[in-house]
Amino acid sequence: MGTSLVMTIPSMFVKAHKVGRGSVVKVIYGLEGVLILSKSGDDQEILDKLMVLIRGIEENRLEKKDKNERF
């Protein structure tokens, strides 16, 4: 069972994204949710970095939606 779990966990996380060079936050998107890793103990700094990431995701979503509507 241990081997099975080790093989399954990495496959759940499909993409890693950093919020820029020297970022305090790394977000890993998975099939089951999102894993957020941070080097910072400052909650406000983490929240600020996550908001940058969320805005970027929203902009990408709107761009894709706009492209799909044109075709």
Protein backbone atom coordinates (compact mmCIF):
# COMPACT_ATOMS: atom_id res chain seq x y z
CA MET A 1 0.00 0.00 0.00
CA GLY A 2 2.86 2.42 0.71
CA THR A 3 4.20 2.05 -2.82
CA SER A 4 0.75 2.62 -4.27
CA LEU A 5 0.33 5.83 -2.26
CA VAL A 6 3.75 7.12 -3.31
CA MET A 7 2.84 6.53 -6.96
CA THR A 8 -0.58 8.18 -6.59
CA ILE A 9 0.27 11.42 -4.77
CA PRO A 10 2.63 12.89 -7.41
CA SER A 11 0.13 12.15 -10.16
CA MET A 12 -2.51 14.22 -8.30
CA PHE A 13 -0.44 17.38 -8.70
CA VAL A 14 -0.09 18.34 -12.32
CA LYS A 15 1.23 21.91 -12.42
CA ALA A 16 3.39 24.11 -10.25
CA HIS A 17 3.40 27.91 -10.46
CA LYS A 18 5.45 30.53 -8.68
CA VAL A 19 4.28 34.11 -8.33
CA GLY A 20 7.51 35.58 -9.67
CA ARG A 21 11.18 35.43 -8.83
CA GLY A 22 11.93 35.19 -5.12
CA SER A 23 8.30 34.45 -4.40
CA VAL A 24 7.19 33.47 -0.93
CA VAL A 25 4.36 31.32 -2.25
CA LYS A 26 4.31 28.24 -4.45
CA VAL A 27 0.97 26.87 -5.54
CA ILE A 28 0.54 23.35 -6.89
CA TYR A 29 -2.69 22.65 -8.73
CA GLY A 30 -4.02 19.13 -8.38
CA LEU A 31 -6.96 17.05 -9.41
CA GLU A 32 -8.24 17.07 -5.83
CA GLY A 33 -7.56 20.72 -5.01
CA VAL A 34 -4.72 23.17 -4.47
CA LEU A 35 -1.66 22.87 -2.25
CA ILE A 36 -0.11 26.17 -1.10
CA LEU A 37 3.45 26.23 0.21
CA SER A 38 4.97 29.34 1.75
CA LYS A 39 8.34 30.39 3.13
CA SER A 40 6.76 33.36 4.90
CA GLY A 41 5.19 33.50 8.33
CA ASP A 42 3.45 36.78 7.46
CA ASP A 43 -0.20 36.04 6.67
CA GLN A 44 -0.74 39.39 4.92
CA GLU A 45 2.24 38.84 2.60
CA ILE A 46 0.95 35.37 1.71
CA LEU A 47 -2.53 36.76 1.05
CA ASP A 48 -1.13 39.53 -1.17
CA LYS A 49 0.82 37.01 -3.26
CA LEU A 50 -2.21 34.72 -3.55
CA MET A 51 -4.37 37.63 -4.73
CA VAL A 52 -1.86 38.33 -7.52
CA LEU A 53 -2.13 34.69 -8.54
CA ILE A 54 -5.94 34.68 -8.38
CA ARG A 55 -6.14 37.83 -10.53
CA GLY A 56 -3.85 36.21 -13.10
CA ILE A 57 -6.00 33.07 -13.20
CA GLU A 58 -9.13 35.18 -13.65
CA GLU A 59 -7.53 37.19 -16.49
CA ASN A 60 -6.50 33.97 -18.26
CA ARG A 61 -10.00 32.55 -17.83
CA LEU A 62 -11.57 35.67 -19.33
CA GLU A 63 -9.11 35.67 -22.26
CA LYS A 64 -9.91 32.02 -23.04
CA LYS A 65 -13.63 32.68 -22.75
CA ASP A 66 -13.32 35.65 -25.12
CA LYS A 67 -11.36 33.57 -27.67
CA ASN A 68 -13.94 30.77 -27.53
CA GLU A 69 -16.81 33.20 -28.08
CA ARG A 70 -15.13 34.62 -31.21
CA PHE A 71 -15.02 31.21 -32.87
